[in-house]
Amino acid sequence: MNFVGNVGRDILGKELQENLSNEGINIDFISIDKNKRTGVATFIVSEGDNSIIVVPGANYNLTPSDDQHVKALLASGDIVIVQLEILSETVEEVLNICHEQNVPVQLNPAPASSCTKEMIDMATYITPNETECVELFGEYSDDLLKKFTNILIVTQGEAGEPTTMVQRLFKFMDIRQQLLIQRVLVILLMAHLALQ
């Protein structure tokens, strides 16, 4: 597993790289930005819902030209996971590269306000939470899940982890798709643990 991004020349950047490396994640594609601090996110949890305040810092300097630098890495991936807390142009370039190379992409459309129809169309899998799903599609329903059967996986916070939603969707998927989704969830879990 590889992690692509930017960190600042500070203790947070150093700790992030150490944590990722200790979890067996390749950090060779993390650049150190001398002019920006490492980005941070603050999670606010209230009555089962959460809000996230993001200060992207150095990671907001990850540009489409950086994507070209890692093009071979993207093209050789089993799956690429991307979220929208970096420049939209960078996300679009990642999607374009992966689309050209037939590499599956899981798009976490957070914040949903930054997500475009083109991004949704190019993503292999889309993993919004319920609120983001409504913002993106105007609804969250079984009909919507059926319409995007092999694409949409809605996370549900305390009501259920992504695997709960995947289990609902598995009845519509073939075994190859089920195995790929399971691999994605393992990768997400590993990334989550590495950041703790």
C-alpha atoms as a PDB file:
ATOM      1  CA  MET A   1       0.000   0.000   0.000  1.00  0.00           C
ATOM      2  CA  ASN A   2       1.253   3.474  -0.909  1.00  0.00           C
ATOM      3  CA  PHE A   3       0.305   6.853   0.509  1.00  0.00           C
ATOM      4  CA  VAL A   4       0.536   9.937  -1.714  1.00  0.00           C
ATOM      5  CA  GLY A   5       0.390  13.411  -0.196  1.00  0.00           C
ATOM      6  CA  ASN A   6       2.260  16.352   1.285  1.00  0.00           C
ATOM      7  CA  VAL A   7       3.227  17.098   4.854  1.00  0.00           C
ATOM      8  CA  GLY A   8       4.963  20.065   6.410  1.00  0.00           C
ATOM      9  CA  ARG A   9       8.411  20.077   7.933  1.00  0.00           C
ATOM     10  CA  ASP A  10       6.981  19.743  11.454  1.00  0.00           C
ATOM     11  CA  ILE A  11       6.323  17.209  14.209  1.00  0.00           C
ATOM     12  CA  LEU A  12       2.865  16.282  12.868  1.00  0.00           C
ATOM     13  CA  GLY A  13       4.282  15.450   9.452  1.00  0.00           C
ATOM     14  CA  LYS A  14       7.066  13.413  11.003  1.00  0.00           C
ATOM     15  CA  GLU A  15       4.634  11.505  13.254  1.00  0.00           C
ATOM     16  CA  LEU A  16       2.250  10.813  10.373  1.00  0.00           C
ATOM     17  CA  GLN A  17       5.055   9.391   8.257  1.00  0.00           C
ATOM     18  CA  GLU A  18       6.309   7.272  11.176  1.00  0.00           C
ATOM     19  CA  ASN A  19       2.802   5.926  11.904  1.00  0.00           C
ATOM     20  CA  LEU A  20       2.160   5.052   8.268  1.00  0.00           C
ATOM     21  CA  SER A  21       5.571   3.428   7.914  1.00  0.00           C
ATOM     22  CA  ASN A  22       5.073   1.415  11.121  1.00  0.00           C
ATOM     23  CA  GLU A  23       1.859   0.049   9.615  1.00  0.00           C
ATOM     24  CA  GLY A  24       3.729  -1.120   6.522  1.00  0.00           C
ATOM     25  CA  ILE A  25       2.480   1.680   4.278  1.00  0.00           C
ATOM     26  CA  ASN A  26       4.991   2.991   1.740  1.00  0.00           C
ATOM     27  CA  ILE A  27       5.665   6.695   2.348  1.00  0.00           C
ATOM     28  CA  ASP A  28       8.030   7.246  -0.587  1.00  0.00           C
ATOM     29  CA  PHE A  29       5.368   9.364  -2.305  1.00  0.00           C
ATOM     30  CA  ILE A  30       4.866  11.764   0.601  1.00  0.00           C
ATOM     31  CA  SER A  31       6.574  15.082  -0.108  1.00  0.00           C
ATOM     32  CA  ILE A  32       7.718  17.515   2.566  1.00  0.00           C
ATOM     33  CA  ASP A  33       6.582  21.081   1.932  1.00  0.00           C
ATOM     34  CA  LYS A  34       9.025  23.587   3.402  1.00  0.00           C
ATOM     35  CA  ASN A  35       6.520  26.461   3.296  1.00  0.00           C
ATOM     36  CA  LYS A  36       3.332  24.930   4.746  1.00  0.00           C
ATOM     37  CA  ARG A  37       2.505  23.073   7.918  1.00  0.00           C
ATOM     38  CA  THR A  38       1.030  19.587   7.944  1.00  0.00           C
ATOM     39  CA  GLY A  39      -2.738  19.638   7.574  1.00  0.00           C
ATOM     40  CA  VAL A  40      -4.947  18.740  10.513  1.00  0.00           C
ATOM     41  CA  ALA A  41      -8.531  17.653  11.016  1.00  0.00           C
ATOM     42  CA  THR A  42     -10.635  18.050  14.133  1.00  0.00           C
ATOM     43  CA  PHE A  43     -13.566  15.693  14.644  1.00  0.00           C
ATOM     44  CA  ILE A  44     -16.545  16.963  16.623  1.00  0.00           C
ATOM     45  CA  VAL A  45     -18.989  14.281  17.746  1.00  0.00           C
ATOM     46  CA  SER A  46     -22.401  15.147  19.124  1.00  0.00           C
ATOM     47  CA  GLU A  47     -25.413  12.889  19.590  1.00  0.00           C
ATOM     48  CA  GLY A  48     -24.046  10.243  17.218  1.00  0.00           C
ATOM     49  CA  ASP A  49     -23.289  12.686  14.390  1.00  0.00           C
ATOM     50  CA  ASN A  50     -19.906  14.080  13.558  1.00  0.00           C
ATOM     51  CA  SER A  51     -18.522  17.140  11.887  1.00  0.00           C
ATOM     52  CA  ILE A  52     -14.992  17.534  10.658  1.00  0.00           C
ATOM     53  CA  ILE A  53     -13.040  20.772  10.531  1.00  0.00           C
ATOM     54  CA  VAL A  54     -10.164  20.444   8.073  1.00  0.00           C
ATOM     55  CA  VAL A  55      -7.142  22.704   7.683  1.00  0.00           C
ATOM     56  CA  PRO A  56      -5.456  21.106   4.650  1.00  0.00           C
ATOM     57  CA  GLY A  57      -2.075  22.785   5.044  1.00  0.00           C
ATOM     58  CA  ALA A  58       0.676  21.236   2.913  1.00  0.00           C
ATOM     59  CA  ASN A  59      -1.652  18.657   1.363  1.00  0.00           C
ATOM     60  CA  TYR A  60      -3.521  21.465  -0.403  1.00  0.00           C
ATOM     61  CA  ASN A  61      -0.327  22.004  -2.388  1.00  0.00           C
ATOM     62  CA  LEU A  62      -0.678  18.536  -3.946  1.00  0.00           C
ATOM     63  CA  THR A  63      -1.215  19.512  -7.589  1.00  0.00           C
ATOM     64  CA  PRO A  64      -2.045  17.730 -10.854  1.00  0.00           C
ATOM     65  CA  SER A  65       1.650  17.924 -11.810  1.00  0.00           C
ATOM     66  CA  ASP A  66       2.374  15.847  -8.689  1.00  0.00           C
ATOM     67  CA  ASP A  67      -0.115  13.284 -10.021  1.00  0.00           C
ATOM     68  CA  GLN A  68       1.939  13.027 -13.200  1.00  0.00           C
ATOM     69  CA  HIS A  69       4.958  12.290 -10.981  1.00  0.00           C
ATOM     70  CA  VAL A  70       3.121   9.305  -9.492  1.00  0.00           C
ATOM     71  CA  LYS A  71       1.362   8.265 -12.705  1.00  0.00           C
ATOM     72  CA  ALA A  72       3.202   4.926 -12.867  1.00  0.00           C
ATOM     73  CA  LEU A  73       2.226   4.214  -9.257  1.00  0.00           C
ATOM     74  CA  LEU A  74      -1.427   5.030  -9.947  1.00  0.00           C
ATOM     75  CA  ALA A  75      -1.408   2.934 -13.129  1.00  0.00           C
ATOM     76  CA  SER A  76      -0.012  -0.093 -11.296  1.00  0.00           C
ATOM     77  CA  GLY A  77      -2.484   0.032  -8.398  1.00  0.00           C
ATOM     78  CA  ASP A  78      -5.151  -2.552  -7.629  1.00  0.00           C
ATOM     79  CA  ILE A  79      -7.345   0.305  -6.462  1.00  0.00           C
ATOM     80  CA  VAL A  80      -6.839   4.010  -5.725  1.00  0.00           C
ATOM     81  CA  ILE A  81      -8.654   5.755  -2.890  1.00  0.00           C
ATOM     82  CA  VAL A  82      -9.084   9.520  -3.147  1.00  0.00           C
ATOM     83  CA  GLN A  83     -11.005  12.117  -1.134  1.00  0.00           C
ATOM     84  CA  LEU A  84     -11.883  15.761  -1.735  1.00  0.00           C
ATOM     85  CA  GLU A  85      -9.831  17.471   0.963  1.00  0.00           C
ATOM     86  CA  ILE A  86      -7.189  18.208  -1.672  1.00  0.00           C
ATOM     87  CA  LEU A  87      -7.466  20.405  -4.770  1.00  0.00           C
ATOM     88  CA  SER A  88     -10.360  19.439  -7.056  1.00  0.00           C
ATOM     89  CA  GLU A  89      -8.022  19.649 -10.059  1.00  0.00           C
ATOM     90  CA  THR A  90      -5.769  17.073  -8.419  1.00  0.00           C
ATOM     91  CA  VAL A  91      -8.675  14.705  -7.781  1.00  0.00           C
ATOM     92  CA  GLU A  92      -9.816  15.107 -11.394  1.00  0.00           C
ATOM     93  CA  GLU A  93      -6.324  14.281 -12.665  1.00  0.00           C
ATOM     94  CA  VAL A  94      -6.129  11.173 -10.457  1.00  0.00           C
ATOM     95  CA  LEU A  95      -9.507  10.074 -11.823  1.00  0.00           C
ATOM     96  CA  ASN A  96      -8.382  10.725 -15.411  1.00  0.00           C
ATOM     97  CA  ILE A  97      -5.133   8.777 -15.002  1.00  0.00           C
ATOM     98  CA  CYS A  98      -6.904   5.843 -13.374  1.00  0.00           C
ATOM     99  CA  HIS A  99      -9.682   5.894 -15.965  1.00  0.00           C
ATOM    100  CA  GLU A 100      -7.124   5.792 -18.800  1.00  0.00           C
ATOM    101  CA  GLN A 101      -5.317   2.883 -17.119  1.00  0.00           C
ATOM    102  CA  ASN A 102      -8.484   0.973 -16.084  1.00  0.00           C
ATOM    103  CA  VAL A 103      -7.577   1.214 -12.396  1.00  0.00           C
ATOM    104  CA  PRO A 104     -10.594   1.184 -10.044  1.00  0.00           C
ATOM    105  CA  VAL A 105     -11.039   4.316  -7.914  1.00  0.00           C
ATOM    106  CA  GLN A 106     -12.911   4.673  -4.661  1.00  0.00           C
ATOM    107  CA  LEU A 107     -14.028   8.282  -4.282  1.00  0.00           C
ATOM    108  CA  ASN A 108     -14.858   9.496  -0.788  1.00  0.00           C
ATOM    109  CA  PRO A 109     -16.815  12.652  -1.714  1.00  0.00           C
ATOM    110  CA  ALA A 110     -16.088  14.681   1.388  1.00  0.00           C
ATOM    111  CA  PRO A 111     -16.775  17.515   1.378  1.00  0.00           C
ATOM    112  CA  ALA A 112     -19.627  16.800  -1.014  1.00  0.00           C
ATOM    113  CA  SER A 113     -19.804  20.442  -2.095  1.00  0.00           C
ATOM    114  CA  SER A 114     -16.504  19.918  -3.954  1.00  0.00           C
ATOM    115  CA  CYS A 115     -17.733  16.858  -5.844  1.00  0.00           C
ATOM    116  CA  THR A 116     -18.677  17.227  -9.504  1.00  0.00           C
ATOM    117  CA  LYS A 117     -20.795  15.029 -11.764  1.00  0.00           C
ATOM    118  CA  GLU A 118     -17.650  14.274 -13.771  1.00  0.00           C
ATOM    119  CA  MET A 119     -15.938  12.934 -10.642  1.00  0.00           C
ATOM    120  CA  ILE A 120     -18.912  10.714  -9.854  1.00  0.00           C
ATOM    121  CA  ASP A 121     -19.029   9.453 -13.446  1.00  0.00           C
ATOM    122  CA  MET A 122     -15.337   8.515 -13.414  1.00  0.00           C
ATOM    123  CA  ALA A 123     -15.281   6.868  -9.975  1.00  0.00           C
ATOM    124  CA  THR A 124     -15.662   3.114  -9.716  1.00  0.00           C
ATOM    125  CA  TYR A 125     -17.033   3.308  -6.177  1.00  0.00           C
ATOM    126  CA  ILE A 126     -18.465   6.287  -4.293  1.00  0.00           C
ATOM    127  CA  THR A 127     -18.538   6.210  -0.470  1.00  0.00           C
ATOM    128  CA  PRO A 128     -20.499   9.170   0.906  1.00  0.00           C
ATOM    129  CA  ASN A 129     -22.102   9.250   4.311  1.00  0.00           C
ATOM    130  CA  GLU A 130     -25.882   9.702   4.414  1.00  0.00           C
ATOM    131  CA  THR A 131     -25.723  13.518   4.500  1.00  0.00           C
ATOM    132  CA  GLU A 132     -23.258  13.652   1.592  1.00  0.00           C
ATOM    133  CA  CYS A 133     -25.416  11.188  -0.337  1.00  0.00           C
ATOM    134  CA  VAL A 134     -28.430  13.488  -0.066  1.00  0.00           C
ATOM    135  CA  GLU A 135     -26.285  16.486  -1.044  1.00  0.00           C
ATOM    136  CA  LEU A 136     -24.930  14.643  -4.100  1.00  0.00           C
ATOM    137  CA  PHE A 137     -28.013  12.763  -5.299  1.00  0.00           C
ATOM    138  CA  GLY A 138     -30.926  14.584  -3.666  1.00  0.00           C
ATOM    139  CA  GLU A 139     -31.931  11.478  -1.731  1.00  0.00           C
ATOM    140  CA  TYR A 140     -30.811   8.417   0.182  1.00  0.00           C
ATOM    141  CA  SER A 141     -33.091   5.479  -0.553  1.00  0.00           C
ATOM    142  CA  ASP A 142     -33.157   1.842  -1.584  1.00  0.00           C
ATOM    143  CA  ASP A 143     -34.122   3.008  -5.087  1.00  0.00           C
ATOM    144  CA  LEU A 144     -30.935   5.082  -5.266  1.00  0.00           C
ATOM    145  CA  LEU A 145     -28.862   2.129  -4.036  1.00  0.00           C
ATOM    146  CA  LYS A 146     -30.411  -0.069  -6.736  1.00  0.00           C
ATOM    147  CA  LYS A 147     -29.753   2.566  -9.399  1.00  0.00           C
ATOM    148  CA  PHE A 148     -26.059   2.703  -8.386  1.00  0.00           C
ATOM    149  CA  THR A 149     -25.861  -0.934  -7.278  1.00  0.00           C
ATOM    150  CA  ASN A 150     -22.218  -1.602  -8.008  1.00  0.00           C
ATOM    151  CA  ILE A 151     -21.023   1.941  -7.358  1.00  0.00           C
ATOM    152  CA  LEU A 152     -22.579   3.518  -4.262  1.00  0.00           C
ATOM    153  CA  ILE A 153     -21.663   2.482  -0.709  1.00  0.00           C
ATOM    154  CA  VAL A 154     -23.236   4.783   1.877  1.00  0.00           C
ATOM    155  CA  THR A 155     -21.644   4.867   5.318  1.00  0.00           C
ATOM    156  CA  GLN A 156     -24.105   5.195   8.177  1.00  0.00           C
ATOM    157  CA  GLY A 157     -22.190   6.335  11.250  1.00  0.00           C
ATOM    158  CA  GLU A 158     -23.558   4.719  14.384  1.00  0.00           C
ATOM    159  CA  ALA A 159     -26.370   3.070  12.414  1.00  0.00           C
ATOM    160  CA  GLY A 160     -23.835   0.760  10.767  1.00  0.00           C
ATOM    161  CA  GLU A 161     -20.359   0.600   9.332  1.00  0.00           C
ATOM    162  CA  PRO A 162     -19.740   0.431   5.595  1.00  0.00           C
ATOM    163  CA  THR A 163     -19.738  -3.367   5.809  1.00  0.00           C
ATOM    164  CA  THR A 164     -23.392  -3.265   6.834  1.00  0.00           C
ATOM    165  CA  MET A 165     -24.212  -1.351   3.661  1.00  0.00           C
ATOM    166  CA  VAL A 166     -21.982  -3.632   1.609  1.00  0.00           C
ATOM    167  CA  GLN A 167     -23.804  -6.667   2.932  1.00  0.00           C
ATOM    168  CA  ARG A 168     -27.070  -5.082   1.722  1.00  0.00           C
ATOM    169  CA  LEU A 169     -25.496  -4.464  -1.668  1.00  0.00           C
ATOM    170  CA  PHE A 170     -23.800  -7.860  -1.972  1.00  0.00           C
ATOM    171  CA  LYS A 171     -27.011  -9.448  -3.220  1.00  0.00           C
ATOM    172  CA  PHE A 172     -26.666  -7.250  -6.337  1.00  0.00           C
ATOM    173  CA  MET A 173     -22.921  -7.904  -6.919  1.00  0.00           C
ATOM    174  CA  ASP A 174     -20.959 -10.740  -8.458  1.00  0.00           C
ATOM    175  CA  ILE A 175     -18.178 -12.413  -6.438  1.00  0.00           C
ATOM    176  CA  ARG A 176     -15.371 -10.379  -8.071  1.00  0.00           C
ATOM    177  CA  GLN A 177     -17.059  -7.136  -7.050  1.00  0.00           C
ATOM    178  CA  GLN A 178     -17.677  -8.441  -3.538  1.00  0.00           C
ATOM    179  CA  LEU A 179     -13.998  -9.362  -3.106  1.00  0.00           C
ATOM    180  CA  LEU A 180     -12.842  -5.990  -4.404  1.00  0.00           C
ATOM    181  CA  ILE A 181     -15.136  -4.143  -1.970  1.00  0.00           C
ATOM    182  CA  GLN A 182     -13.841  -6.278   0.900  1.00  0.00           C
ATOM    183  CA  ARG A 183     -10.259  -5.349  -0.065  1.00  0.00           C
ATOM    184  CA  VAL A 184     -11.210  -1.664  -0.131  1.00  0.00           C
ATOM    185  CA  LEU A 185     -12.681  -1.899   3.355  1.00  0.00           C
ATOM    186  CA  VAL A 186      -9.530  -3.584   4.672  1.00  0.00           C
ATOM    187  CA  ILE A 187      -7.411  -0.810   3.120  1.00  0.00           C
ATOM    188  CA  LEU A 188      -9.645   1.845   4.724  1.00  0.00           C
ATOM    189  CA  LEU A 189      -9.353   0.139   8.096  1.00  0.00           C
ATOM    190  CA  MET A 190      -5.569  -0.037   7.780  1.00  0.00           C
ATOM    191  CA  ALA A 191      -5.388   3.659   6.844  1.00  0.00           C
ATOM    192  CA  HIS A 192      -7.639   4.553   9.785  1.00  0.00           C
ATOM    193  CA  LEU A 193      -5.474   2.583  12.193  1.00  0.00           C
ATOM    194  CA  ALA A 194      -2.298   4.114  10.801  1.00  0.00           C
ATOM    195  CA  LEU A 195      -3.607   7.609  11.513  1.00  0.00           C
ATOM    196  CA  GLN A 196      -4.435   6.895  15.141  1.00  0.00           C
END
